[in-house]
Amino acid sequence: VQLVESGGGLVQTGGSLTLSCETSGFDFDDYAIGWFRQAPGKEREGISCISNKDGSTYYADSVKGRFTISSDNAKFTTYLQMNSLQPDDTGVYYCAAERLVFGSSYLSYSFHRPQVFALWGQGTQVTVSS
């Protein structure tokens, strides 16, 4: 089982980045993929999630309207398109996966919780300069 993030880097305020989470070793269609970020000295924050079963998406208020999550089920890859980046978006970005056993409706109130997700990638650094 593997989740590998890529696409991070240094960008100026107002810029854009697209992160990728390439997965292998599990049935992608039966999982939810979440994106989390962690700034230095802060707790890991859940920012977005997608159910690969039904395509439902969820966003934290801090990124709603600026970030878009999507999955290409044929490529077993989930993306996070990030626009209008701000210095507060700086951090290590992680993708995580959780098997959807009883549907995905519980994600609407729990997608931001790291303990919901069992599988994790190693993270990719995003730095937004002011």
Protein backbone atom coordinates (compact mmCIF):
# COMPACT_ATOMS: atom_id res chain seq x y z
CA VAL A 1 0.00 0.00 0.00
CA GLN A 2 1.39 3.36 -1.01
CA LEU A 3 0.30 6.97 -1.19
CA VAL A 4 2.82 9.34 -2.75
CA GLU A 5 2.30 13.09 -2.81
CA SER A 6 3.95 15.35 -5.33
CA GLY A 7 3.58 18.84 -6.74
CA GLY A 8 4.59 20.93 -3.77
CA GLY A 9 6.99 23.82 -4.03
CA LEU A 10 7.54 27.51 -3.52
CA VAL A 11 4.96 29.93 -4.90
CA GLN A 12 4.19 33.60 -4.45
CA THR A 13 1.04 34.89 -2.80
CA GLY A 14 -1.85 34.60 -5.20
CA GLY A 15 -0.24 31.79 -7.13
CA SER A 16 -1.43 28.26 -7.82
CA LEU A 17 -0.21 24.72 -7.34
CA THR A 18 -1.67 21.31 -8.08
CA LEU A 19 -0.81 18.47 -5.73
CA SER A 20 -1.08 14.84 -6.74
CA CYS A 21 -1.60 11.78 -4.58
CA GLU A 22 -0.68 8.64 -6.48
CA THR A 23 -1.90 5.47 -4.82
CA SER A 24 -1.32 1.76 -5.15
CA GLY A 25 -2.04 -1.44 -3.31
CA PHE A 26 -5.72 -0.94 -2.48
CA ASP A 27 -9.07 -0.69 -4.26
CA PHE A 28 -9.11 3.03 -5.03
CA ASP A 29 -12.81 3.09 -5.92
CA ASP A 30 -13.80 1.95 -2.41
CA TYR A 31 -11.87 4.63 -0.57
CA ALA A 32 -12.10 8.23 0.45
CA ILE A 33 -8.99 10.34 -0.05
CA GLY A 34 -8.36 13.28 2.22
CA TRP A 35 -5.87 16.12 2.07
CA PHE A 36 -4.36 17.44 5.28
CA ARG A 37 -1.75 20.07 5.99
CA GLN A 38 0.48 20.82 8.93
CA ALA A 39 2.23 24.10 9.56
CA PRO A 40 5.23 24.28 11.92
CA GLY A 41 4.06 24.17 15.52
CA LYS A 42 0.44 23.53 14.56
CA GLU A 43 -1.80 20.50 14.52
CA ARG A 44 -2.52 18.60 11.34
CA GLU A 45 -5.54 20.17 9.65
CA GLY A 46 -7.96 18.38 7.35
CA ILE A 47 -8.75 20.61 4.38
CA SER A 48 -10.52 18.50 1.78
CA CYS A 49 -11.80 15.03 1.05
CA ILE A 50 -13.36 13.11 -1.81
CA SER A 51 -15.33 9.89 -1.85
CA ASN A 52 -14.14 7.83 -4.79
CA LYS A 53 -17.38 5.83 -4.54
CA ASP A 54 -19.82 8.61 -5.29
CA GLY A 55 -17.67 11.67 -5.98
CA SER A 56 -18.84 13.64 -2.94
CA THR A 57 -16.41 16.36 -1.96
CA TYR A 58 -15.83 18.22 1.28
CA TYR A 59 -13.84 21.35 2.09
CA ALA A 60 -12.73 23.20 5.16
CA ASP A 61 -13.94 26.79 5.32
CA SER A 62 -10.34 27.99 5.09
CA VAL A 63 -9.96 26.64 1.54
CA LYS A 64 -13.52 26.62 0.20
CA GLY A 65 -13.73 28.44 -3.11
CA ARG A 66 -9.94 28.36 -3.62
CA PHE A 67 -9.08 24.64 -3.59
CA THR A 68 -10.61 21.88 -5.70
CA ILE A 69 -10.24 18.17 -5.04
CA SER A 70 -10.70 15.59 -7.77
CA SER A 71 -9.87 11.97 -8.50
CA ASP A 72 -8.95 10.12 -11.65
CA ASN A 73 -10.07 6.62 -10.73
CA ALA A 74 -8.41 5.14 -13.84
CA LYS A 75 -5.06 6.49 -12.65
CA PHE A 76 -5.66 5.80 -8.91
CA THR A 77 -4.71 9.41 -8.30
CA THR A 78 -6.31 12.25 -6.39
CA TYR A 79 -5.50 15.89 -7.07
CA LEU A 80 -5.74 19.09 -5.09
CA GLN A 81 -5.86 22.21 -7.25
CA MET A 82 -4.90 25.17 -5.08
CA ASN A 83 -5.56 28.71 -6.28
CA SER A 84 -5.16 32.13 -4.69
CA LEU A 85 -2.55 30.77 -2.31
CA GLN A 86 -1.78 32.74 0.82
CA PRO A 87 1.13 32.58 3.29
CA ASP A 88 -1.21 30.84 5.77
CA ASP A 89 -1.44 27.94 3.30
CA THR A 90 2.22 27.13 3.95
CA GLY A 91 2.86 23.70 5.40
CA VAL A 92 3.46 20.05 4.68
CA TYR A 93 0.55 18.60 2.73
CA TYR A 94 -0.41 14.98 3.23
CA CYS A 95 -2.90 12.76 1.50
CA ALA A 96 -4.62 9.97 3.38
CA ALA A 97 -7.00 7.14 2.54
CA GLU A 98 -9.83 5.45 4.34
CA ARG A 99 -11.95 2.55 3.18
CA LEU A 100 -15.64 3.37 2.83
CA VAL A 101 -17.41 0.42 4.41
CA PHE A 102 -20.79 1.97 5.28
CA GLY A 103 -21.04 4.74 2.72
CA SER A 104 -19.56 8.22 2.81
CA SER A 105 -22.10 10.44 4.56
CA TYR A 106 -20.11 10.44 7.80
CA LEU A 107 -17.33 12.30 5.98
CA SER A 108 -19.41 15.47 6.01
CA TYR A 109 -18.66 15.91 9.73
CA SER A 110 -15.46 13.91 10.13
CA PHE A 111 -13.29 14.47 7.04
CA HIS A 112 -11.11 16.95 8.92
CA ARG A 113 -10.13 14.41 11.59
CA PRO A 114 -6.78 12.66 10.96
CA GLN A 115 -7.83 9.67 13.08
CA VAL A 116 -10.52 8.81 10.52
CA PHE A 117 -7.87 7.90 7.94
CA ALA A 118 -5.76 4.76 8.20
CA LEU A 119 -3.32 5.15 5.30
CA TRP A 120 -0.96 8.11 4.87
CA GLY A 121 1.58 9.47 2.45
CA GLN A 122 4.89 11.04 3.38
CA GLY A 123 3.90 14.61 2.60
CA THR A 124 5.00 17.37 0.25
CA GLN A 125 6.08 20.87 1.27
CA VAL A 126 4.14 23.90 0.09
CA THR A 127 5.61 27.31 0.81
CA VAL A 128 3.78 30.51 -0.07
CA SER A 129 5.94 33.61 0.04
CA SER A 130 4.51 37.02 0.82
